[in-house]
Amino acid sequence: MGNSNEEVETEEILSDKQQGEPNGHFYLAYKPYDFSITWDWKHSLFARVGFLHDDVYHPFIRHIKTTARKQEMRILHLSAEMIQDDYQDKDIINLYDFELLPTEEGLNELEDTRMKWVQLYLKMLCYINGKDRAQFIPQLKYFRTQEGPLAGYLRSIDEMPTSPDKSIILKHLEKLEEVKWGIRYNEKNGITDFLYHIKGSTFNEKLESFFLGAWTIMNVHHARDFNDEKMENLLTLIQLSKNFVYPSLDQTARSIIEEIVQLLADLTMITLDEVLIQQRHALFIQSPQLFPNNYPQVSHMFYGIDYSPDFNLRSMIPDLKPLIPNEAVYRSKVVTNDGKEFVRKVFLAIET
């Protein structure tokens, strides 16, 4: 994270931004004649940014995507609203291709992570079908050195006697074979974005859709080919909307969404398995509520609206004047070396 006390005019900041950012950083925000805020997204301490706002087409999002493409980051974009970016092609990712394979010997953290995703998936299936886990999902039969955790459950499910519950589970499992993404190209740089629409006519359908898109990102992160230079740097961009997350969600639904977001945030963290898994992954999450974008889970938080259903910005800054367009309050504990919290009203970096 960069923080400069030099007097830098707004015009100079925008000019620098348009020319590209040094050392893989890019501008997030600034205060005229005071300081600028850049994002050192390659550093795991700084790699997670949250944005509290209800406008999924906010120009700040456009700036994040445009700058990420200039940095040759591959964008993995999940949105609860239709993504307006045109895409030229489609890709179908089969989650079984990775999840049925055994974890390489010695990668214990990856093995644990894979099990967390499987357990959360089963928790979600029980929730959306109103089922008790002990009665709905058979016990695990798992050969750790020969297969992935999902494979053990598939075997147990396959051995279930024919029943309505088994039919329900198999119908859900079929969706793991075809997770559809759009692909955005650039004539010069090739693929720049993978686009995924979180969709469904009910909340439960949207929750399952969100989970499958997120699980795909986990697969891409761990199974990507490092011979492809453009897969070395990933940006997961999650945009949730009022049509998906809202105050009346029950606690189980909230916990599932929060656990999904936490697992995606974990992809930006350094692990003991890093010898074989290169970590250059950043996360940007936008939500119309503080949930599930809760600070300090993210490294840097931008509050772009005065009020949300679960948060009043004046509870943090009592004398705050109303925010004007493209203004936000920035909050972080990682900008200073003394552990003190840095809170300032700033202008968001946007494309002009």
Protein backbone atom coordinates (compact mmCIF):
# COMPACT_ATOMS: atom_id res chain seq x y z
CA MET A 1 0.00 0.00 0.00
CA GLY A 2 1.42 3.38 -0.95
CA ASN A 3 0.70 6.58 0.97
CA SER A 4 2.43 9.83 0.10
CA ASN A 5 2.25 13.15 1.95
CA GLU A 6 3.59 15.10 -1.01
CA GLU A 7 1.37 17.85 -2.37
CA VAL A 8 0.05 16.34 -5.57
CA GLU A 9 -2.67 18.00 -7.58
CA THR A 10 -5.66 16.04 -8.81
CA GLU A 11 -4.71 16.58 -12.43
CA GLU A 12 -1.26 15.12 -11.84
CA ILE A 13 -2.68 12.03 -10.16
CA LEU A 14 -5.03 11.37 -13.04
CA SER A 15 -2.24 11.88 -15.54
CA ASP A 16 -0.03 9.36 -13.75
CA LYS A 17 -2.91 6.91 -13.56
CA GLN A 18 -3.54 7.12 -17.27
CA GLN A 19 0.10 6.36 -17.97
CA GLY A 20 0.00 3.15 -15.93
CA GLU A 21 1.14 2.46 -12.41
CA PRO A 22 4.69 1.56 -11.32
CA ASN A 23 5.62 -1.81 -9.85
CA GLY A 24 2.20 -3.36 -10.41
CA HIS A 25 0.35 -0.86 -8.19
CA PHE A 26 -2.57 1.24 -9.30
CA TYR A 27 -4.46 4.15 -7.84
CA LEU A 28 -7.53 3.53 -5.75
CA ALA A 29 -8.20 7.02 -4.39
CA TYR A 30 -6.68 10.38 -3.54
CA LYS A 31 -7.12 13.55 -1.56
CA PRO A 32 -6.17 16.62 -3.60
CA TYR A 33 -3.00 18.41 -2.47
CA ASP A 34 -2.46 15.78 0.25
CA PHE A 35 -1.99 12.09 -0.61
CA SER A 36 -2.79 9.29 -3.02
CA ILE A 37 -3.68 5.69 -2.28
CA THR A 38 -2.29 2.93 -4.48
CA TRP A 39 -3.04 -0.77 -4.35
CA ASP A 40 -0.08 -3.12 -3.93
CA TRP A 41 -2.29 -6.07 -4.91
CA LYS A 42 0.60 -8.55 -5.26
CA HIS A 43 1.32 -8.34 -1.53
CA SER A 44 -0.96 -10.69 0.44
CA LEU A 45 -1.27 -8.14 3.25
CA PHE A 46 -2.93 -5.66 0.90
CA ALA A 47 -4.70 -7.89 -1.61
CA ARG A 48 -8.35 -7.47 -0.55
CA VAL A 49 -10.43 -4.36 -1.21
CA GLY A 50 -14.05 -3.84 -0.19
CA PHE A 51 -16.49 -1.30 -1.64
CA LEU A 52 -19.77 -0.52 0.09
CA HIS A 53 -22.05 0.75 -2.69
CA ASP A 54 -25.33 -0.21 -4.33
CA ASP A 55 -24.41 0.80 -7.91
CA VAL A 56 -22.91 -2.19 -9.75
CA TYR A 57 -22.10 0.11 -12.69
CA HIS A 58 -20.19 2.65 -10.61
CA PRO A 59 -17.26 4.21 -12.53
CA PHE A 60 -14.91 3.05 -9.77
CA ILE A 61 -15.58 -0.53 -10.90
CA ARG A 62 -14.80 0.45 -14.47
CA HIS A 63 -11.51 1.94 -13.29
CA ILE A 64 -10.59 -1.23 -11.41
CA LYS A 65 -11.25 -3.41 -14.46
CA THR A 66 -9.52 -1.11 -16.93
CA THR A 67 -6.41 -0.79 -14.80
CA ALA A 68 -6.30 -4.51 -14.06
CA ARG A 69 -6.29 -5.22 -17.81
CA LYS A 70 -3.40 -2.77 -18.25
CA GLN A 71 -1.56 -4.72 -15.55
CA GLU A 72 -2.25 -7.93 -17.52
CA MET A 73 -4.27 -9.38 -14.67
CA ARG A 74 -6.88 -11.89 -15.70
CA ILE A 75 -10.23 -10.80 -14.28
CA LEU A 76 -12.62 -13.40 -12.84
CA HIS A 77 -15.81 -11.37 -12.61
CA LEU A 78 -18.89 -12.60 -10.71
CA SER A 79 -21.92 -10.33 -10.72
CA ALA A 80 -25.46 -10.68 -9.38
CA GLU A 81 -26.56 -8.28 -12.13
CA MET A 82 -26.08 -8.73 -15.86
CA ILE A 83 -22.53 -7.73 -16.77
CA GLN A 84 -22.66 -5.14 -19.51
CA ASP A 85 -19.25 -6.00 -20.94
CA ASP A 86 -19.65 -7.75 -24.26
CA TYR A 87 -18.11 -11.19 -24.42
CA GLN A 88 -17.04 -12.94 -27.57
CA ASP A 89 -17.03 -16.56 -26.46
CA LYS A 90 -18.12 -18.98 -23.75
CA ASP A 91 -16.19 -21.42 -21.63
CA ILE A 92 -17.57 -24.40 -19.74
CA ILE A 93 -15.65 -25.46 -16.66
CA ASN A 94 -16.19 -28.95 -15.27
CA LEU A 95 -15.53 -28.91 -11.53
CA TYR A 96 -14.99 -32.65 -11.54
CA ASP A 97 -11.83 -32.25 -13.65
CA PHE A 98 -9.98 -30.94 -10.60
CA GLU A 99 -12.08 -32.01 -7.63
CA LEU A 100 -11.93 -35.74 -8.29
CA LEU A 101 -8.12 -35.79 -8.47
CA PRO A 102 -6.01 -36.47 -5.36
CA THR A 103 -4.08 -33.62 -3.80
CA GLU A 104 -0.35 -33.76 -4.44
CA GLU A 105 1.60 -35.18 -1.52
CA GLY A 106 2.67 -32.57 1.01
CA LEU A 107 0.03 -29.96 0.15
CA ASN A 108 -1.86 -30.32 3.40
CA GLU A 109 -3.35 -26.82 3.39
CA LEU A 110 -4.72 -27.34 -0.12
CA GLU A 111 -6.23 -30.64 0.98
CA ASP A 112 -7.92 -28.92 3.92
CA THR A 113 -9.16 -26.13 1.66
CA ARG A 114 -10.68 -28.58 -0.78
CA MET A 115 -12.51 -30.29 2.07
CA LYS A 116 -13.83 -26.91 3.30
CA TRP A 117 -15.35 -26.22 -0.13
CA VAL A 118 -16.97 -29.66 -0.26
CA GLN A 119 -18.38 -29.37 3.26
CA LEU A 120 -19.75 -25.90 2.53
CA TYR A 121 -21.31 -27.18 -0.69
CA LEU A 122 -23.11 -29.94 1.21
CA LYS A 123 -24.21 -27.44 3.87
CA MET A 124 -25.69 -25.31 1.10
CA LEU A 125 -27.51 -28.27 -0.49
CA CYS A 126 -29.09 -29.12 2.86
CA TYR A 127 -30.12 -25.49 3.38
CA ILE A 128 -31.75 -24.89 0.00
CA ASN A 129 -33.62 -28.21 0.19
CA GLY A 130 -34.64 -27.83 3.84
CA LYS A 131 -32.96 -31.11 4.79
CA ASP A 132 -31.15 -32.38 7.87
CA ARG A 133 -27.53 -33.16 7.06
CA ALA A 134 -27.45 -36.50 8.90
CA GLN A 135 -30.52 -37.74 7.03
CA PHE A 136 -29.80 -36.19 3.62
CA ILE A 137 -26.07 -36.72 2.98
CA PRO A 138 -24.45 -40.16 3.48
CA GLN A 139 -21.23 -40.49 5.44
CA LEU A 140 -17.94 -39.97 3.65
CA LYS A 141 -16.02 -42.89 2.12
CA TYR A 142 -12.76 -41.25 1.21
CA PHE A 143 -9.35 -42.53 0.06
CA ARG A 144 -7.21 -39.46 0.68
CA THR A 145 -4.16 -40.51 -1.36
CA GLN A 146 -6.23 -41.64 -4.36
CA GLU A 147 -8.89 -38.97 -4.85
CA GLY A 148 -10.20 -35.56 -3.88
CA PRO A 149 -12.71 -35.12 -1.03
CA LEU A 150 -15.65 -34.72 -3.41
CA ALA A 151 -14.98 -38.14 -4.92
CA GLY A 152 -15.56 -39.83 -1.58
CA TYR A 153 -19.00 -38.28 -1.24
CA LEU A 154 -19.88 -39.13 -4.83
CA ARG A 155 -19.16 -42.78 -4.08
CA SER A 156 -21.30 -42.69 -0.96
CA ILE A 157 -24.14 -41.01 -2.84
CA ASP A 158 -23.88 -43.51 -5.68
CA GLU A 159 -24.31 -46.33 -3.17
CA MET A 160 -27.51 -44.81 -1.73
CA PRO A 161 -30.69 -46.74 -2.51
CA THR A 162 -32.98 -45.11 -5.05
CA SER A 163 -35.04 -42.43 -3.32
CA PRO A 164 -36.38 -38.88 -3.87
CA ASP A 165 -33.45 -37.52 -1.82
CA LYS A 166 -30.91 -39.28 -4.02
CA SER A 167 -32.57 -37.86 -7.14
CA ILE A 168 -32.44 -34.35 -5.66
CA ILE A 169 -28.72 -34.66 -4.83
CA LEU A 170 -27.86 -36.07 -8.27
CA LYS A 171 -29.71 -33.22 -9.98
CA HIS A 172 -27.57 -30.71 -8.08
CA LEU A 173 -24.36 -32.62 -8.80
CA GLU A 174 -25.06 -32.51 -12.54
CA LYS A 175 -24.57 -28.73 -12.40
CA LEU A 176 -20.93 -29.21 -11.39
CA GLU A 177 -20.17 -30.59 -14.84
CA GLU A 178 -21.09 -27.40 -16.71
CA VAL A 179 -20.32 -24.09 -15.04
CA LYS A 180 -20.69 -21.55 -17.84
CA TRP A 181 -18.54 -18.43 -18.14
CA GLY A 182 -18.36 -15.73 -20.78
CA ILE A 183 -14.96 -14.73 -22.17
CA ARG A 184 -13.88 -11.21 -23.08
CA TYR A 185 -11.04 -10.72 -25.56
CA ASN A 186 -8.68 -7.94 -26.47
CA GLU A 187 -7.08 -7.96 -29.94
CA LYS A 188 -3.66 -7.21 -28.48
CA ASN A 189 -3.68 -9.18 -25.20
CA GLY A 190 -6.04 -12.06 -25.91
CA ILE A 191 -8.36 -13.13 -23.10
CA THR A 192 -8.78 -10.41 -20.46
CA ASP A 193 -11.94 -11.35 -18.51
CA PHE A 194 -13.95 -14.37 -17.50
CA LEU A 195 -17.54 -13.26 -16.80
CA TYR A 196 -20.02 -15.14 -14.62
CA HIS A 197 -23.61 -14.12 -13.96
CA ILE A 198 -25.06 -15.13 -10.58
CA LYS A 199 -28.58 -15.96 -11.65
CA GLY A 200 -31.79 -17.62 -10.58
CA SER A 201 -35.47 -16.84 -10.08
CA THR A 202 -35.28 -17.48 -6.31
CA PHE A 203 -32.73 -16.70 -3.61
CA ASN A 204 -31.84 -20.38 -3.28
CA GLU A 205 -31.10 -20.65 -7.00
CA LYS A 206 -28.92 -17.53 -6.81
CA LEU A 207 -27.09 -18.88 -3.77
CA GLU A 208 -26.27 -22.12 -5.58
CA SER A 209 -25.22 -20.18 -8.68
CA PHE A 210 -22.93 -17.96 -6.58
CA PHE A 211 -21.37 -20.99 -4.94
CA LEU A 212 -20.64 -22.71 -8.25
CA GLY A 213 -19.04 -19.57 -9.69
CA ALA A 214 -16.90 -19.11 -6.58
CA TRP A 215 -15.89 -22.78 -6.51
CA THR A 216 -14.77 -22.43 -10.12
CA ILE A 217 -12.45 -19.60 -9.08
CA MET A 218 -10.88 -21.85 -6.47
CA ASN A 219 -10.32 -24.47 -9.19
CA VAL A 220 -8.80 -21.93 -11.57
CA HIS A 221 -6.50 -20.64 -8.84
CA HIS A 222 -5.06 -24.05 -8.00
CA ALA A 223 -5.19 -25.73 -11.40
CA ARG A 224 -4.05 -22.86 -13.63
CA ASP A 225 -1.16 -23.34 -16.02
CA PHE A 226 1.79 -21.14 -15.07
CA ASN A 227 3.18 -21.49 -18.58
CA ASP A 228 0.42 -19.06 -19.54
CA GLU A 229 1.82 -15.74 -18.34
CA LYS A 230 -1.60 -14.13 -18.19
CA MET A 231 -2.76 -16.69 -15.63
CA GLU A 232 -0.05 -15.69 -13.17
CA ASN A 233 -1.99 -12.62 -12.01
CA LEU A 234 -5.65 -13.00 -11.08
CA LEU A 235 -8.26 -10.52 -9.89
CA THR A 236 -11.49 -11.89 -8.48
CA LEU A 237 -14.14 -9.18 -8.79
CA ILE A 238 -17.39 -9.93 -6.93
CA GLN A 239 -20.39 -7.66 -7.31
CA LEU A 240 -23.40 -8.46 -5.16
CA SER A 241 -26.70 -6.60 -5.43
CA LYS A 242 -29.84 -5.77 -3.46
CA ASN A 243 -31.55 -8.54 -5.41
CA PHE A 244 -29.25 -11.11 -3.82
CA VAL A 245 -28.13 -9.89 -0.39
CA TYR A 246 -30.73 -8.18 1.79
CA PRO A 247 -31.35 -7.59 5.52
CA SER A 248 -33.99 -10.31 6.01
CA LEU A 249 -31.71 -13.22 5.06
CA ASP A 250 -31.67 -15.84 7.80
CA GLN A 251 -28.51 -16.65 9.70
CA THR A 252 -27.74 -19.86 7.82
CA ALA A 253 -27.92 -18.14 4.43
CA ARG A 254 -25.74 -15.32 5.72
CA SER A 255 -23.17 -17.73 7.11
CA ILE A 256 -22.95 -19.61 3.79
CA ILE A 257 -22.38 -16.38 1.83
CA GLU A 258 -19.82 -15.15 4.37
CA GLU A 259 -17.96 -18.47 4.23
CA ILE A 260 -17.86 -18.34 0.43
CA VAL A 261 -16.38 -14.85 0.55
CA GLN A 262 -13.87 -15.89 3.21
CA LEU A 263 -12.72 -18.87 1.13
CA LEU A 264 -12.20 -16.55 -1.83
CA ALA A 265 -10.31 -14.12 0.40
CA ASP A 266 -8.12 -17.03 1.55
CA LEU A 267 -6.93 -17.44 -2.04
CA THR A 268 -5.02 -14.16 -1.65
CA MET A 269 -3.20 -15.32 1.47
CA ILE A 270 0.27 -16.83 1.70
CA THR A 271 0.21 -20.54 2.57
CA LEU A 272 2.82 -23.14 3.47
CA ASP A 273 2.03 -24.79 0.12
CA GLU A 274 3.34 -21.72 -1.71
CA VAL A 275 6.37 -23.64 -2.99
CA LEU A 276 4.14 -25.19 -5.65
CA ILE A 277 1.29 -22.69 -5.71
CA GLN A 278 2.22 -19.19 -6.77
CA GLN A 279 0.09 -16.59 -4.98
CA ARG A 280 -0.70 -13.55 -7.11
CA HIS A 281 -4.37 -13.20 -6.52
CA ALA A 282 -6.32 -10.10 -5.52
CA LEU A 283 -9.94 -9.76 -4.41
CA PHE A 284 -12.30 -6.82 -4.92
CA ILE A 285 -15.80 -7.20 -3.50
CA GLN A 286 -18.70 -4.77 -3.83
CA SER A 287 -21.88 -5.10 -1.81
CA PRO A 288 -24.89 -2.82 -1.11
CA GLN A 289 -24.57 -3.77 2.56
CA LEU A 290 -21.69 -4.12 4.96
CA PHE A 291 -22.60 -7.82 4.88
CA PRO A 292 -20.72 -9.77 3.61
CA ASN A 293 -18.15 -7.09 2.95
CA ASN A 294 -17.25 -6.79 6.59
CA TYR A 295 -14.14 -5.00 7.68
CA PRO A 296 -11.48 -6.04 8.70
CA GLN A 297 -11.86 -9.17 6.54
CA VAL A 298 -10.75 -6.94 3.65
CA SER A 299 -7.45 -5.06 3.75
CA HIS A 300 -8.91 -1.75 2.59
CA MET A 301 -12.52 -0.65 2.88
CA PHE A 302 -14.22 2.11 0.90
CA TYR A 303 -17.62 3.32 2.10
CA GLY A 304 -19.24 4.93 -0.94
CA ILE A 305 -22.73 5.52 0.46
CA ASP A 306 -23.81 7.25 3.68
CA TYR A 307 -26.30 4.59 4.68
CA SER A 308 -26.91 0.93 3.98
CA PRO A 309 -29.51 -1.42 5.50
CA ASP A 310 -26.97 -2.56 8.09
CA PHE A 311 -24.59 0.38 8.46
CA ASN A 312 -24.64 4.13 9.08
CA LEU A 313 -21.38 5.83 8.15
CA ARG A 314 -22.01 8.49 10.80
CA SER A 315 -21.59 5.84 13.47
CA MET A 316 -17.91 5.95 12.51
CA ILE A 317 -17.64 9.68 11.67
CA PRO A 318 -20.37 11.61 13.54
CA ASP A 319 -19.76 14.99 11.84
CA LEU A 320 -19.48 13.57 8.30
CA LYS A 321 -21.00 15.72 5.58
CA PRO A 322 -23.04 13.93 2.87
CA LEU A 323 -20.87 12.22 0.29
CA ILE A 324 -20.90 13.65 -3.19
CA PRO A 325 -20.59 11.40 -6.30
CA ASN A 326 -17.21 9.63 -6.46
CA GLU A 327 -16.44 10.46 -2.85
CA ALA A 328 -15.94 7.75 -0.24
CA VAL A 329 -14.59 7.20 3.24
CA TYR A 330 -11.46 5.06 3.24
CA ARG A 331 -10.58 2.86 6.21
CA SER A 332 -7.56 0.61 6.70
CA LYS A 333 -5.13 -0.64 9.32
CA VAL A 334 -2.40 -1.62 6.87
CA VAL A 335 -1.34 1.80 5.61
CA THR A 336 0.67 2.76 8.66
CA ASN A 337 3.40 0.82 10.39
CA ASP A 338 2.18 1.60 13.93
CA GLY A 339 -1.03 -0.43 13.69
CA LYS A 340 -3.23 2.64 13.95
CA GLU A 341 -6.33 2.87 11.81
CA PHE A 342 -6.23 5.26 8.86
CA VAL A 343 -9.65 6.85 8.15
CA ARG A 344 -10.07 9.64 5.60
CA LYS A 345 -12.63 11.00 3.19
CA VAL A 346 -11.21 10.57 -0.33
CA PHE A 347 -12.05 10.86 -4.00
CA LEU A 348 -12.24 7.53 -5.78
CA ALA A 349 -10.00 7.00 -8.80
CA ILE A 350 -12.25 6.73 -11.83
CA GLU A 351 -11.84 6.64 -15.60
CA THR A 352 -12.54 9.98 -17.27
